[in-house]
Amino acid sequence: MSQPNIYFEVSFTEPQAHYIDVRMEVSGLNQPELELIMPVWTPGSYLIREFSKNLESFKVISAGKPVPHQKLRKNSWLIFTQNLENIAVFYRIYAFEVSVRTCFADLSHAFLSPTGLFLYPEGRLDLPLTVRINLPDYWKKISTGLDHYQNEPCCFYAPNFDVLYDSPVEVGNQHVFGFTAAGVLHEVAMYNGGMYHEEKLIADFTRIVE
């Protein structure tokens, strides 16, 4: 398999209905087939997960035309890419479960758990990729451990899928503050306010880290 370029775009056209829209662009293809997989695991958890049950409206387009594909298993799709260099894959994720391992979206915010959101090419977790997050007008902030891509505020880079899958994202109007512990700058994102004292949290987090 050649090394294609991977680009994701995440949008929120219907957060009130708990949907997250994903566009995945794969360019530089040079192969007759491409299998895309949604993980059945998530970092820090040792159970089989059914993230693919939340995936809807899967379709593939190239040069404005539908691309043949078939669902192989509950969490994988085979795309027939003979003579195609670029494809765009579109799907939606139903996100209405609050946990550290699942995606959630409503009008107040969105939490993106990457293993339940981003497909990967079979056998190619090593590929680098970029992710763009399109903010609705009523949301102003993106919090994640991913590095910014070319200093763009809403575009991020991961050197491989393992880094992506270990980098959750909070999107909304969260309160953000930072602190330094063990010589490393940390950032905390607090959703929905709450009764907490920032200075006390910083002191507690610093003790935990150090």
Protein backbone atom coordinates (compact mmCIF):
# COMPACT_ATOMS: atom_id res chain seq x y z
CA MET A 1 0.00 0.00 0.00
CA SER A 2 1.28 3.45 -0.85
CA GLN A 3 1.23 6.19 1.76
CA PRO A 4 -1.91 8.27 1.23
CA ASN A 5 -2.59 11.62 2.84
CA ILE A 6 -5.34 11.72 5.47
CA TYR A 7 -7.44 14.76 6.32
CA PHE A 8 -10.50 14.94 8.58
CA GLU A 9 -13.03 17.72 8.87
CA VAL A 10 -15.45 17.74 11.81
CA SER A 11 -18.62 19.86 11.72
CA PHE A 12 -21.68 20.39 13.88
CA THR A 13 -24.73 21.03 11.70
CA GLU A 14 -27.21 19.46 14.11
CA PRO A 15 -25.75 19.37 17.62
CA GLN A 16 -29.26 19.74 19.07
CA ALA A 17 -29.96 16.30 17.56
CA HIS A 18 -26.65 14.99 18.97
CA TYR A 19 -24.98 14.49 15.59
CA ILE A 20 -21.36 15.08 14.64
CA ASP A 21 -20.55 15.25 10.92
CA VAL A 22 -17.25 13.87 9.64
CA ARG A 23 -15.59 14.25 6.26
CA MET A 24 -12.50 12.11 5.68
CA GLU A 25 -10.36 12.88 2.64
CA VAL A 26 -7.84 10.31 1.44
CA SER A 27 -5.51 11.45 -1.35
CA GLY A 28 -2.50 9.91 -3.07
CA LEU A 29 -4.18 6.52 -3.45
CA ASN A 30 -2.54 3.86 -5.61
CA GLN A 31 -4.40 0.66 -4.83
CA PRO A 32 -7.55 -1.17 -5.96
CA GLU A 33 -9.19 -1.31 -2.52
CA LEU A 34 -9.10 0.57 0.76
CA GLU A 35 -10.53 -0.80 4.00
CA LEU A 36 -11.53 1.73 6.66
CA ILE A 37 -12.02 0.62 10.24
CA MET A 38 -13.54 2.09 13.37
CA PRO A 39 -11.69 0.94 16.49
CA VAL A 40 -13.32 -1.43 18.98
CA TRP A 41 -11.00 -0.21 21.74
CA THR A 42 -10.06 3.03 23.41
CA PRO A 43 -6.89 4.01 25.33
CA GLY A 44 -7.01 3.04 28.99
CA SER A 45 -9.96 0.66 28.58
CA TYR A 46 -9.67 -3.09 28.12
CA LEU A 47 -13.16 -3.98 26.91
CA ILE A 48 -14.47 -4.44 23.38
CA ARG A 49 -16.39 -1.29 22.42
CA GLU A 50 -19.22 -0.95 19.89
CA PHE A 51 -18.45 2.55 18.60
CA SER A 52 -19.55 1.67 15.06
CA LYS A 53 -23.19 1.33 16.18
CA ASN A 54 -23.31 5.15 16.28
CA LEU A 55 -22.05 5.62 12.70
CA GLU A 56 -24.72 6.56 10.14
CA SER A 57 -25.07 7.81 6.55
CA PHE A 58 -21.78 6.39 5.26
CA LYS A 59 -21.00 7.39 1.67
CA VAL A 60 -17.95 7.80 -0.55
CA ILE A 61 -17.45 10.35 -3.34
CA SER A 62 -14.69 10.91 -5.90
CA ALA A 63 -14.79 13.69 -8.51
CA GLY A 64 -18.44 14.25 -7.69
CA LYS A 65 -19.45 10.64 -8.30
CA PRO A 66 -20.38 7.86 -5.83
CA VAL A 67 -17.69 5.27 -5.21
CA PRO A 68 -18.72 1.60 -4.78
CA HIS A 69 -18.17 0.18 -1.33
CA GLN A 70 -19.46 -2.52 0.98
CA LYS A 71 -19.64 -3.09 4.70
CA LEU A 72 -17.37 -5.99 5.60
CA ARG A 73 -17.99 -6.26 9.32
CA LYS A 74 -19.78 -4.27 11.99
CA ASN A 75 -16.89 -1.79 12.13
CA SER A 76 -15.23 -1.88 8.70
CA TRP A 77 -15.99 -0.73 5.16
CA LEU A 78 -14.27 -1.80 1.94
CA ILE A 79 -13.99 0.93 -0.71
CA PHE A 80 -13.21 0.04 -4.32
CA THR A 81 -10.57 2.56 -5.36
CA GLN A 82 -9.30 1.15 -8.65
CA ASN A 83 -8.01 4.06 -10.82
CA LEU A 84 -8.87 6.59 -8.11
CA GLU A 85 -6.31 8.92 -6.55
CA ASN A 86 -8.61 10.76 -4.15
CA ILE A 87 -11.79 9.96 -2.26
CA ALA A 88 -13.96 11.78 0.27
CA VAL A 89 -15.77 9.71 2.88
CA PHE A 90 -18.79 11.21 4.64
CA TYR A 91 -20.54 9.90 7.75
CA ARG A 92 -22.32 11.03 10.90
CA ILE A 93 -21.83 9.98 14.50
CA TYR A 94 -24.76 9.91 16.90
CA ALA A 95 -23.25 11.32 20.09
CA PHE A 96 -25.50 11.18 23.12
CA GLU A 97 -23.61 9.29 25.82
CA VAL A 98 -21.69 11.12 28.53
CA SER A 99 -18.48 9.25 29.40
CA VAL A 100 -14.73 9.55 28.95
CA ARG A 101 -14.77 7.01 26.10
CA THR A 102 -17.72 8.16 23.95
CA CYS A 103 -18.63 11.23 21.94
CA PHE A 104 -21.27 13.70 23.08
CA ALA A 105 -22.81 16.73 21.40
CA ASP A 106 -25.63 19.14 22.16
CA LEU A 107 -26.12 22.89 21.83
CA SER A 108 -23.95 23.60 24.88
CA HIS A 109 -20.77 21.75 23.87
CA ALA A 110 -19.24 18.69 22.25
CA PHE A 111 -16.81 16.11 23.57
CA LEU A 112 -14.93 14.18 20.91
CA SER A 113 -13.57 10.78 21.87
CA PRO A 114 -11.36 10.04 18.84
CA THR A 115 -11.72 6.24 18.75
CA GLY A 116 -15.47 6.66 18.42
CA LEU A 117 -15.18 9.31 15.70
CA PHE A 118 -12.29 8.73 13.30
CA LEU A 119 -11.87 5.78 10.91
CA TYR A 120 -8.39 4.51 10.05
CA PRO A 121 -7.00 2.63 7.01
CA GLU A 122 -6.52 -1.05 7.78
CA GLY A 123 -2.97 -1.76 8.91
CA ARG A 124 -1.91 1.89 8.74
CA LEU A 125 -2.14 3.35 12.22
CA ASP A 126 1.30 4.80 11.47
CA LEU A 127 0.00 7.39 8.98
CA PRO A 128 0.17 11.11 9.85
CA LEU A 129 -3.02 13.15 9.53
CA THR A 130 -4.63 16.53 10.03
CA VAL A 131 -7.97 17.38 11.62
CA ARG A 132 -9.98 20.56 11.08
CA ILE A 133 -12.81 21.40 13.49
CA ASN A 134 -15.44 23.78 12.18
CA LEU A 135 -16.79 25.82 15.08
CA PRO A 136 -20.43 26.96 15.07
CA ASP A 137 -20.87 30.68 15.72
CA TYR A 138 -21.98 30.04 19.30
CA TRP A 139 -18.82 28.10 20.26
CA LYS A 140 -15.44 29.80 20.64
CA LYS A 141 -12.92 27.30 22.02
CA ILE A 142 -11.23 24.01 21.18
CA SER A 143 -9.26 22.18 23.88
CA THR A 144 -7.04 19.23 22.98
CA GLY A 145 -3.55 17.86 23.43
CA LEU A 146 -2.97 17.77 19.66
CA ASP A 147 -0.53 20.22 18.13
CA HIS A 148 -1.85 22.99 15.91
CA TYR A 149 -1.23 22.54 12.20
CA GLN A 150 0.70 25.49 10.72
CA ASN A 151 -0.54 27.74 13.55
CA GLU A 152 -4.14 27.48 12.36
CA PRO A 153 -6.43 27.83 15.41
CA CYS A 154 -8.96 25.20 14.28
CA CYS A 155 -6.63 22.74 12.51
CA PHE A 156 -4.54 20.09 14.27
CA TYR A 157 -1.85 17.55 13.39
CA ALA A 158 -1.14 14.04 14.64
CA PRO A 159 2.00 12.12 13.59
CA ASN A 160 -0.01 8.87 13.64
CA PHE A 161 -3.40 7.47 14.63
CA ASP A 162 -2.18 6.32 18.05
CA VAL A 163 -1.51 9.95 19.00
CA LEU A 164 -4.88 10.99 17.55
CA TYR A 165 -6.75 8.30 19.47
CA ASP A 166 -5.09 9.36 22.72
CA SER A 167 -6.11 13.03 22.27
CA PRO A 168 -9.73 13.80 23.24
CA VAL A 169 -11.20 17.15 22.25
CA GLU A 170 -13.58 19.51 24.08
CA VAL A 171 -15.41 22.02 21.90
CA GLY A 172 -17.60 24.83 23.20
CA ASN A 173 -17.19 27.73 25.61
CA GLN A 174 -15.30 25.95 28.36
CA HIS A 175 -13.24 27.76 30.98
CA VAL A 176 -9.56 27.13 30.30
CA PHE A 177 -6.60 27.69 32.61
CA GLY A 178 -3.02 26.48 32.68
CA PHE A 179 -0.34 25.52 35.16
CA THR A 180 3.22 24.23 35.06
CA ALA A 181 4.20 21.04 36.87
CA ALA A 182 7.39 19.00 36.55
CA GLY A 183 8.57 21.61 34.06
CA VAL A 184 5.67 20.93 31.68
CA LEU A 185 2.83 23.31 30.82
CA HIS A 186 -0.60 21.73 31.40
CA GLU A 187 -4.00 23.01 30.30
CA VAL A 188 -7.32 22.34 32.03
CA ALA A 189 -10.70 22.78 30.32
CA MET A 190 -13.75 22.99 32.61
CA TYR A 191 -17.13 22.59 30.95
CA ASN A 192 -20.29 24.25 32.28
CA GLY A 193 -18.75 26.24 35.11
CA GLY A 194 -19.26 24.83 38.57
CA MET A 195 -18.35 25.45 42.18
CA TYR A 196 -14.59 25.16 42.13
CA HIS A 197 -11.59 27.27 43.04
CA GLU A 198 -9.03 27.51 40.27
CA GLU A 199 -6.10 28.07 42.64
CA LYS A 200 -7.02 25.01 44.71
CA LEU A 201 -7.36 22.87 41.58
CA ILE A 202 -3.98 24.02 40.33
CA ALA A 203 -2.38 23.15 43.66
CA ASP A 204 -4.03 19.72 43.70
CA PHE A 205 -3.18 18.94 40.07
CA THR A 206 0.42 20.00 40.62
CA ARG A 207 0.78 17.59 43.54
CA ILE A 208 -0.73 14.78 41.46
CA VAL A 209 1.61 15.38 38.53
CA GLU A 210 4.75 15.85 40.59
